[in-house]
Amino acid sequence: MKKTNILIVEDDNNVANLEKIVLSDAGYNVSIAENPEKMWSILKEEEISLIFMDYKIPESDIMELLSILVYTYPGIPIVMITGYGEESTVIEAFKRGVKDYIVKDYKADYLLQLPKVASELLQKTEDAKHDILKARNCVIFKTIMDRCDMSLVVSNENLEVLWYNKKCEETPKLKKIKNSKSLVSILNLEENIINNDKSEIVSKIEDNLSDKISWKIFWIDNEDSKIIKKSLLIIMGMKKLK
């Protein structure tokens, strides 16, 4: 498995090497930059996933550096390592785009916090990327479905409409979908139909739909934990070929 690359920006070589040892032992590839020039060089050459940055870099405006770094590499989370009594620095750093911070307290052994913070922040970043990709794919799917010559409805096990495309509004039996989110109401089904077997539900829905359209109705298991019900009902309809 490919190791994750972490960059430490720290001008004190002794401190940087200690941090590197702890993170390396946790399974990460670690690079060290003692100044901004070295940092930019490493970022260009390596695929860095996380940056630990000391709050004091000699001959550098740390806040300006953070702003440029976040603007240039928005996908790389930054953790600031600060000293005691630097609350104002931390607040300003968060405003500039820092995702987390660690107080450099040797008595509390701050070094042991590095792997934990790295793991949690990398997971959050990965989850965020997944959510963005999922949302983008959803938008693409909806755009395609809205343009196709097919009626498409997605509902949950309670026959509550979760999504439908524009073609449904032009389909006589589904026109009420604009004003109702219940297939029971839209298709004039019996109120207790959701208590029936799934195959019976499909059969009754087919009976209530127009015979001028070819319908495909089926259930699929849903793996999205954000939707309470585990199954989705898919209704697809196209005009029959003459």
C-alpha atoms as a PDB file:
ATOM      1  CA  MET A   1       0.000   0.000   0.000  1.00  0.00           C
ATOM      2  CA  LYS A   2       1.302   3.446  -0.925  1.00  0.00           C
ATOM      3  CA  LYS A   3       2.285   5.505   2.129  1.00  0.00           C
ATOM      4  CA  THR A   4       0.870   8.975   2.738  1.00  0.00           C
ATOM      5  CA  ASN A   5       3.331  11.857   2.371  1.00  0.00           C
ATOM      6  CA  ILE A   6       3.486  14.433   5.175  1.00  0.00           C
ATOM      7  CA  LEU A   7       5.509  17.644   5.131  1.00  0.00           C
ATOM      8  CA  ILE A   8       6.933  19.225   8.297  1.00  0.00           C
ATOM      9  CA  VAL A   9       7.808  22.933   8.050  1.00  0.00           C
ATOM     10  CA  GLU A  10      10.127  23.593  10.995  1.00  0.00           C
ATOM     11  CA  ASP A  11      13.390  25.562  11.169  1.00  0.00           C
ATOM     12  CA  ASP A  12      14.692  23.699  14.242  1.00  0.00           C
ATOM     13  CA  ASN A  13      16.281  20.498  12.897  1.00  0.00           C
ATOM     14  CA  ASN A  14      16.187  18.738  16.270  1.00  0.00           C
ATOM     15  CA  VAL A  15      12.451  19.344  16.673  1.00  0.00           C
ATOM     16  CA  ALA A  16      11.738  18.468  13.047  1.00  0.00           C
ATOM     17  CA  ASN A  17      13.619  15.176  13.317  1.00  0.00           C
ATOM     18  CA  LEU A  18      11.735  14.191  16.476  1.00  0.00           C
ATOM     19  CA  GLU A  19       8.422  14.880  14.751  1.00  0.00           C
ATOM     20  CA  LYS A  20       9.581  12.931  11.709  1.00  0.00           C
ATOM     21  CA  ILE A  21      10.510   9.885  13.810  1.00  0.00           C
ATOM     22  CA  VAL A  22       7.086   9.778  15.475  1.00  0.00           C
ATOM     23  CA  LEU A  23       5.184  10.165  12.196  1.00  0.00           C
ATOM     24  CA  SER A  24       7.438   7.707  10.362  1.00  0.00           C
ATOM     25  CA  ASP A  25       6.845   5.114  13.080  1.00  0.00           C
ATOM     26  CA  ALA A  26       3.116   5.617  12.479  1.00  0.00           C
ATOM     27  CA  GLY A  27       3.593   4.617   8.838  1.00  0.00           C
ATOM     28  CA  TYR A  28       3.897   7.959   7.039  1.00  0.00           C
ATOM     29  CA  ASN A  29       6.494   9.176   4.575  1.00  0.00           C
ATOM     30  CA  VAL A  30       7.849  12.416   6.036  1.00  0.00           C
ATOM     31  CA  SER A  31       9.739  15.278   4.418  1.00  0.00           C
ATOM     32  CA  ILE A  32      11.209  18.282   6.259  1.00  0.00           C
ATOM     33  CA  ALA A  33      11.414  21.881   5.070  1.00  0.00           C
ATOM     34  CA  GLU A  34      13.437  24.275   7.223  1.00  0.00           C
ATOM     35  CA  ASN A  35      12.289  27.339   5.276  1.00  0.00           C
ATOM     36  CA  PRO A  36       9.605  28.431   2.766  1.00  0.00           C
ATOM     37  CA  GLU A  37      11.919  27.946  -0.223  1.00  0.00           C
ATOM     38  CA  LYS A  38      12.436  24.290   0.665  1.00  0.00           C
ATOM     39  CA  MET A  39       8.715  23.916   1.353  1.00  0.00           C
ATOM     40  CA  TRP A  40       7.714  25.133  -2.122  1.00  0.00           C
ATOM     41  CA  SER A  41      10.335  22.897  -3.690  1.00  0.00           C
ATOM     42  CA  ILE A  42       9.026  19.796  -1.912  1.00  0.00           C
ATOM     43  CA  LEU A  43       5.411  20.634  -2.756  1.00  0.00           C
ATOM     44  CA  LYS A  44       6.313  20.803  -6.438  1.00  0.00           C
ATOM     45  CA  GLU A  45       8.210  17.515  -6.389  1.00  0.00           C
ATOM     46  CA  GLU A  46       6.109  15.353  -4.054  1.00  0.00           C
ATOM     47  CA  GLU A  47       2.442  14.524  -3.613  1.00  0.00           C
ATOM     48  CA  ILE A  48       1.950  15.919  -0.115  1.00  0.00           C
ATOM     49  CA  SER A  49      -1.270  15.038   1.726  1.00  0.00           C
ATOM     50  CA  LEU A  50      -0.783  16.960   4.987  1.00  0.00           C
ATOM     51  CA  ILE A  51       1.418  19.760   6.338  1.00  0.00           C
ATOM     52  CA  PHE A  52       2.535  20.343   9.929  1.00  0.00           C
ATOM     53  CA  MET A  53       3.779  23.935  10.168  1.00  0.00           C
ATOM     54  CA  ASP A  54       5.489  25.652  13.084  1.00  0.00           C
ATOM     55  CA  TYR A  55       3.963  28.997  14.001  1.00  0.00           C
ATOM     56  CA  LYS A  56       7.336  30.752  13.795  1.00  0.00           C
ATOM     57  CA  ILE A  57       9.372  30.618  10.613  1.00  0.00           C
ATOM     58  CA  PRO A  58      12.401  32.985  10.647  1.00  0.00           C
ATOM     59  CA  GLU A  59      12.276  35.881   8.191  1.00  0.00           C
ATOM     60  CA  SER A  60       8.730  34.960   7.147  1.00  0.00           C
ATOM     61  CA  ASP A  61       5.294  36.453   7.710  1.00  0.00           C
ATOM     62  CA  ILE A  62       3.578  33.221   8.783  1.00  0.00           C
ATOM     63  CA  MET A  63       0.059  34.499   8.082  1.00  0.00           C
ATOM     64  CA  GLU A  64       0.927  35.713   4.615  1.00  0.00           C
ATOM     65  CA  LEU A  65       2.678  32.403   3.976  1.00  0.00           C
ATOM     66  CA  LEU A  66      -0.414  30.508   5.109  1.00  0.00           C
ATOM     67  CA  SER A  67      -2.679  32.541   2.831  1.00  0.00           C
ATOM     68  CA  ILE A  68      -0.494  31.863  -0.207  1.00  0.00           C
ATOM     69  CA  LEU A  69      -0.141  28.186   0.711  1.00  0.00           C
ATOM     70  CA  VAL A  70      -3.894  27.640   1.121  1.00  0.00           C
ATOM     71  CA  TYR A  71      -4.597  29.502  -2.127  1.00  0.00           C
ATOM     72  CA  THR A  72      -1.964  27.538  -4.056  1.00  0.00           C
ATOM     73  CA  TYR A  73      -2.705  24.110  -2.559  1.00  0.00           C
ATOM     74  CA  PRO A  74      -6.314  24.243  -1.312  1.00  0.00           C
ATOM     75  CA  GLY A  75      -6.595  20.468  -1.094  1.00  0.00           C
ATOM     76  CA  ILE A  76      -3.764  20.024   1.416  1.00  0.00           C
ATOM     77  CA  PRO A  77      -4.854  20.413   5.061  1.00  0.00           C
ATOM     78  CA  ILE A  78      -2.494  22.332   7.355  1.00  0.00           C
ATOM     79  CA  VAL A  79      -1.929  21.768  11.074  1.00  0.00           C
ATOM     80  CA  MET A  80      -0.231  24.611  12.961  1.00  0.00           C
ATOM     81  CA  ILE A  81       2.092  23.765  15.836  1.00  0.00           C
ATOM     82  CA  THR A  82       2.017  26.633  18.337  1.00  0.00           C
ATOM     83  CA  GLY A  83       3.436  27.612  21.715  1.00  0.00           C
ATOM     84  CA  TYR A  84       1.574  28.533  24.879  1.00  0.00           C
ATOM     85  CA  GLY A  85      -0.278  31.837  24.945  1.00  0.00           C
ATOM     86  CA  GLU A  86      -0.653  32.016  21.184  1.00  0.00           C
ATOM     87  CA  GLU A  87      -4.463  31.993  21.082  1.00  0.00           C
ATOM     88  CA  SER A  88      -4.621  35.058  18.831  1.00  0.00           C
ATOM     89  CA  THR A  89      -2.202  33.403  16.409  1.00  0.00           C
ATOM     90  CA  VAL A  90      -4.343  30.265  16.299  1.00  0.00           C
ATOM     91  CA  ILE A  91      -7.525  32.241  15.646  1.00  0.00           C
ATOM     92  CA  GLU A  92      -5.914  34.163  12.814  1.00  0.00           C
ATOM     93  CA  ALA A  93      -4.440  30.956  11.408  1.00  0.00           C
ATOM     94  CA  PHE A  94      -7.891  29.357  11.269  1.00  0.00           C
ATOM     95  CA  LYS A  95      -9.156  32.392   9.404  1.00  0.00           C
ATOM     96  CA  ARG A  96      -6.362  31.856   6.881  1.00  0.00           C
ATOM     97  CA  GLY A  97      -7.369  28.225   6.308  1.00  0.00           C
ATOM     98  CA  VAL A  98      -5.556  26.106   8.909  1.00  0.00           C
ATOM     99  CA  LYS A  99      -7.573  22.968   9.752  1.00  0.00           C
ATOM    100  CA  ASP A 100      -6.196  22.135  13.211  1.00  0.00           C
ATOM    101  CA  TYR A 101      -3.477  23.021  15.703  1.00  0.00           C
ATOM    102  CA  ILE A 102      -1.282  21.385  18.359  1.00  0.00           C
ATOM    103  CA  VAL A 103       0.341  23.161  21.298  1.00  0.00           C
ATOM    104  CA  LYS A 104       4.080  22.394  21.442  1.00  0.00           C
ATOM    105  CA  ASP A 105       4.120  21.149  25.020  1.00  0.00           C
ATOM    106  CA  TYR A 106       6.885  18.664  25.739  1.00  0.00           C
ATOM    107  CA  LYS A 107       5.543  17.961  29.216  1.00  0.00           C
ATOM    108  CA  ALA A 108       2.277  16.795  27.686  1.00  0.00           C
ATOM    109  CA  ASP A 109       4.303  14.982  25.004  1.00  0.00           C
ATOM    110  CA  TYR A 110       2.737  16.784  22.075  1.00  0.00           C
ATOM    111  CA  LEU A 111       4.728  14.530  19.733  1.00  0.00           C
ATOM    112  CA  LEU A 112       2.363  11.636  20.452  1.00  0.00           C
ATOM    113  CA  GLN A 113      -0.545  13.764  19.254  1.00  0.00           C
ATOM    114  CA  LEU A 114       0.903  14.106  15.761  1.00  0.00           C
ATOM    115  CA  PRO A 115      -0.119  10.677  14.367  1.00  0.00           C
ATOM    116  CA  LYS A 116      -3.625  10.933  15.875  1.00  0.00           C
ATOM    117  CA  VAL A 117      -4.234  14.406  14.458  1.00  0.00           C
ATOM    118  CA  ALA A 118      -2.801  13.342  11.106  1.00  0.00           C
ATOM    119  CA  SER A 119      -5.022  10.259  10.899  1.00  0.00           C
ATOM    120  CA  GLU A 120      -8.209  12.122  11.851  1.00  0.00           C
ATOM    121  CA  LEU A 121      -7.577  15.062   9.534  1.00  0.00           C
ATOM    122  CA  LEU A 122      -6.604  12.874   6.580  1.00  0.00           C
ATOM    123  CA  GLN A 123      -9.799  10.858   7.045  1.00  0.00           C
ATOM    124  CA  LYS A 124     -11.904  14.025   7.163  1.00  0.00           C
ATOM    125  CA  THR A 125     -10.215  15.269   3.998  1.00  0.00           C
ATOM    126  CA  GLU A 126     -10.836  11.953   2.236  1.00  0.00           C
ATOM    127  CA  ASP A 127     -14.480  11.953   3.330  1.00  0.00           C
ATOM    128  CA  ALA A 128     -14.892  15.517   2.053  1.00  0.00           C
ATOM    129  CA  LYS A 129     -13.392  14.577  -1.325  1.00  0.00           C
ATOM    130  CA  HIS A 130     -15.747  11.596  -1.508  1.00  0.00           C
ATOM    131  CA  ASP A 131     -18.759  13.788  -0.717  1.00  0.00           C
ATOM    132  CA  ILE A 132     -17.748  16.321  -3.372  1.00  0.00           C
ATOM    133  CA  LEU A 133     -17.287  13.577  -5.972  1.00  0.00           C
ATOM    134  CA  LYS A 134     -20.591  12.023  -4.996  1.00  0.00           C
ATOM    135  CA  ALA A 135     -22.392  15.362  -5.267  1.00  0.00           C
ATOM    136  CA  ARG A 136     -20.798  16.062  -8.645  1.00  0.00           C
ATOM    137  CA  ASN A 137     -21.790  12.639  -9.961  1.00  0.00           C
ATOM    138  CA  CYS A 138     -25.301  13.200  -8.651  1.00  0.00           C
ATOM    139  CA  VAL A 139     -25.553  16.518 -10.519  1.00  0.00           C
ATOM    140  CA  ILE A 140     -24.274  14.882 -13.712  1.00  0.00           C
ATOM    141  CA  PHE A 141     -26.750  12.024 -13.334  1.00  0.00           C
ATOM    142  CA  LYS A 142     -29.683  14.382 -12.742  1.00  0.00           C
ATOM    143  CA  THR A 143     -28.693  16.529 -15.726  1.00  0.00           C
ATOM    144  CA  ILE A 144     -28.573  13.495 -18.001  1.00  0.00           C
ATOM    145  CA  MET A 145     -31.849  12.096 -16.683  1.00  0.00           C
ATOM    146  CA  ASP A 146     -33.625  15.430 -17.099  1.00  0.00           C
ATOM    147  CA  ARG A 147     -32.642  15.482 -20.770  1.00  0.00           C
ATOM    148  CA  CYS A 148     -33.537  11.900 -21.638  1.00  0.00           C
ATOM    149  CA  ASP A 149     -36.866  10.866 -23.178  1.00  0.00           C
ATOM    150  CA  MET A 150     -37.819   8.710 -20.214  1.00  0.00           C
ATOM    151  CA  SER A 151     -39.853   9.168 -17.054  1.00  0.00           C
ATOM    152  CA  LEU A 152     -37.836   8.246 -13.958  1.00  0.00           C
ATOM    153  CA  VAL A 153     -38.978   8.178 -10.332  1.00  0.00           C
ATOM    154  CA  VAL A 154     -37.027   7.079  -7.248  1.00  0.00           C
ATOM    155  CA  SER A 155     -38.860   6.447  -3.972  1.00  0.00           C
ATOM    156  CA  ASN A 156     -38.145   4.835  -0.624  1.00  0.00           C
ATOM    157  CA  GLU A 157     -39.923   1.874   0.989  1.00  0.00           C
ATOM    158  CA  ASN A 158     -42.723   4.157   2.188  1.00  0.00           C
ATOM    159  CA  LEU A 159     -43.320   5.153  -1.446  1.00  0.00           C
ATOM    160  CA  GLU A 160     -42.177   8.696  -0.698  1.00  0.00           C
ATOM    161  CA  VAL A 161     -40.652  10.280  -3.799  1.00  0.00           C
ATOM    162  CA  LEU A 162     -36.955  11.057  -3.300  1.00  0.00           C
ATOM    163  CA  TRP A 163     -36.274  12.262  -6.831  1.00  0.00           C
ATOM    164  CA  TYR A 164     -37.880  12.454 -10.274  1.00  0.00           C
ATOM    165  CA  ASN A 165     -36.934  13.940 -13.628  1.00  0.00           C
ATOM    166  CA  LYS A 166     -38.744  16.582 -15.654  1.00  0.00           C
ATOM    167  CA  LYS A 167     -40.242  14.053 -18.058  1.00  0.00           C
ATOM    168  CA  CYS A 168     -42.525  12.853 -15.250  1.00  0.00           C
ATOM    169  CA  GLU A 169     -44.353  16.189 -15.297  1.00  0.00           C
ATOM    170  CA  GLU A 170     -45.310  15.508 -18.928  1.00  0.00           C
ATOM    171  CA  THR A 171     -46.532  11.971 -18.199  1.00  0.00           C
ATOM    172  CA  PRO A 172     -50.315  11.947 -17.545  1.00  0.00           C
ATOM    173  CA  LYS A 173     -50.239   9.447 -14.699  1.00  0.00           C
ATOM    174  CA  LEU A 174     -47.397  11.254 -12.948  1.00  0.00           C
ATOM    175  CA  LYS A 175     -48.367  14.905 -13.379  1.00  0.00           C
ATOM    176  CA  LYS A 176     -49.423  15.170  -9.748  1.00  0.00           C
ATOM    177  CA  ILE A 177     -45.810  14.559  -8.765  1.00  0.00           C
ATOM    178  CA  LYS A 178     -45.232  18.350  -8.773  1.00  0.00           C
ATOM    179  CA  ASN A 179     -47.653  18.767  -5.870  1.00  0.00           C
ATOM    180  CA  SER A 180     -47.226  15.501  -3.987  1.00  0.00           C
ATOM    181  CA  LYS A 181     -44.288  13.445  -2.818  1.00  0.00           C
ATOM    182  CA  SER A 182     -46.304  10.302  -2.126  1.00  0.00           C
ATOM    183  CA  LEU A 183     -46.765   7.664  -4.823  1.00  0.00           C
ATOM    184  CA  VAL A 184     -49.847   6.523  -2.928  1.00  0.00           C
ATOM    185  CA  SER A 185     -51.480   9.881  -3.657  1.00  0.00           C
ATOM    186  CA  ILE A 186     -49.970  10.369  -7.121  1.00  0.00           C
ATOM    187  CA  LEU A 187     -51.124   6.980  -8.412  1.00  0.00           C
ATOM    188  CA  ASN A 188     -54.314   6.727  -6.323  1.00  0.00           C
ATOM    189  CA  LEU A 189     -53.100   3.606  -4.545  1.00  0.00           C
ATOM    190  CA  GLU A 190     -54.589   2.036  -1.430  1.00  0.00           C
ATOM    191  CA  GLU A 191     -53.372   3.668   1.758  1.00  0.00           C
ATOM    192  CA  ASN A 192     -52.125   0.387   3.266  1.00  0.00           C
ATOM    193  CA  ILE A 193     -50.212  -0.684   0.159  1.00  0.00           C
ATOM    194  CA  ILE A 194     -46.835  -0.181   1.872  1.00  0.00           C
ATOM    195  CA  ASN A 195     -47.679  -3.125   4.138  1.00  0.00           C
ATOM    196  CA  ASN A 196     -47.802  -5.468   1.151  1.00  0.00           C
ATOM    197  CA  ASP A 197     -45.032  -7.617  -0.211  1.00  0.00           C
ATOM    198  CA  LYS A 198     -42.652  -5.702  -2.496  1.00  0.00           C
ATOM    199  CA  SER A 199     -43.647  -7.735  -5.543  1.00  0.00           C
ATOM    200  CA  GLU A 200     -47.311  -6.965  -4.841  1.00  0.00           C
ATOM    201  CA  ILE A 201     -46.506  -3.258  -4.601  1.00  0.00           C
ATOM    202  CA  VAL A 202     -44.830  -3.379  -8.012  1.00  0.00           C
ATOM    203  CA  SER A 203     -47.829  -5.234  -9.476  1.00  0.00           C
ATOM    204  CA  LYS A 204     -50.349  -2.716  -8.122  1.00  0.00           C
ATOM    205  CA  ILE A 205     -48.306   0.241  -9.373  1.00  0.00           C
ATOM    206  CA  GLU A 206     -48.125  -1.348 -12.827  1.00  0.00           C
ATOM    207  CA  ASP A 207     -51.903  -1.734 -12.821  1.00  0.00           C
ATOM    208  CA  ASN A 208     -52.337   1.982 -12.132  1.00  0.00           C
ATOM    209  CA  LEU A 209     -49.972   3.217 -14.841  1.00  0.00           C
ATOM    210  CA  SER A 210     -50.858   3.941 -18.454  1.00  0.00           C
ATOM    211  CA  ASP A 211     -50.682   1.134 -20.980  1.00  0.00           C
ATOM    212  CA  LYS A 212     -49.459   3.625 -23.617  1.00  0.00           C
ATOM    213  CA  ILE A 213     -46.092   3.657 -21.918  1.00  0.00           C
ATOM    214  CA  SER A 214     -43.711   0.772 -21.373  1.00  0.00           C
ATOM    215  CA  TRP A 215     -42.875   0.660 -17.649  1.00  0.00           C
ATOM    216  CA  LYS A 216     -40.035  -0.990 -15.793  1.00  0.00           C
ATOM    217  CA  ILE A 217     -40.508  -1.095 -12.025  1.00  0.00           C
ATOM    218  CA  PHE A 218     -38.090  -2.720  -9.591  1.00  0.00           C
ATOM    219  CA  TRP A 219     -36.553  -2.556  -6.128  1.00  0.00           C
ATOM    220  CA  ILE A 220     -32.847  -2.133  -5.401  1.00  0.00           C
ATOM    221  CA  ASP A 221     -30.903  -2.252  -2.155  1.00  0.00           C
ATOM    222  CA  ASN A 222     -29.617   1.142  -1.068  1.00  0.00           C
ATOM    223  CA  GLU A 223     -26.182   1.418   0.577  1.00  0.00           C
ATOM    224  CA  ASP A 224     -26.423   5.133   1.376  1.00  0.00           C
ATOM    225  CA  SER A 225     -26.726   5.326   5.162  1.00  0.00           C
ATOM    226  CA  LYS A 226     -28.032   8.903   4.902  1.00  0.00           C
ATOM    227  CA  ILE A 227     -31.307   7.511   3.556  1.00  0.00           C
ATOM    228  CA  ILE A 228     -33.187   5.739   6.323  1.00  0.00           C
ATOM    229  CA  LYS A 229     -34.795   3.011   4.282  1.00  0.00           C
ATOM    230  CA  LYS A 230     -32.564   0.301   2.859  1.00  0.00           C
ATOM    231  CA  SER A 231     -34.448  -0.238  -0.399  1.00  0.00           C
ATOM    232  CA  LEU A 232     -35.332   2.089  -3.254  1.00  0.00           C
ATOM    233  CA  LEU A 233     -38.151   1.695  -5.734  1.00  0.00           C
ATOM    234  CA  ILE A 234     -37.268   2.632  -9.301  1.00  0.00           C
ATOM    235  CA  ILE A 235     -39.987   3.457 -11.852  1.00  0.00           C
ATOM    236  CA  MET A 236     -38.892   3.951 -15.462  1.00  0.00           C
ATOM    237  CA  GLY A 237     -41.249   4.644 -18.328  1.00  0.00           C
ATOM    238  CA  MET A 238     -40.885   5.152 -22.078  1.00  0.00           C
ATOM    239  CA  LYS A 239     -43.397   5.488 -24.859  1.00  0.00           C
ATOM    240  CA  LYS A 240     -44.056   2.207 -26.609  1.00  0.00           C
ATOM    241  CA  LEU A 241     -42.675   1.899 -30.106  1.00  0.00           C
ATOM    242  CA  LYS A 242     -45.346   1.808 -32.784  1.00  0.00           C
END
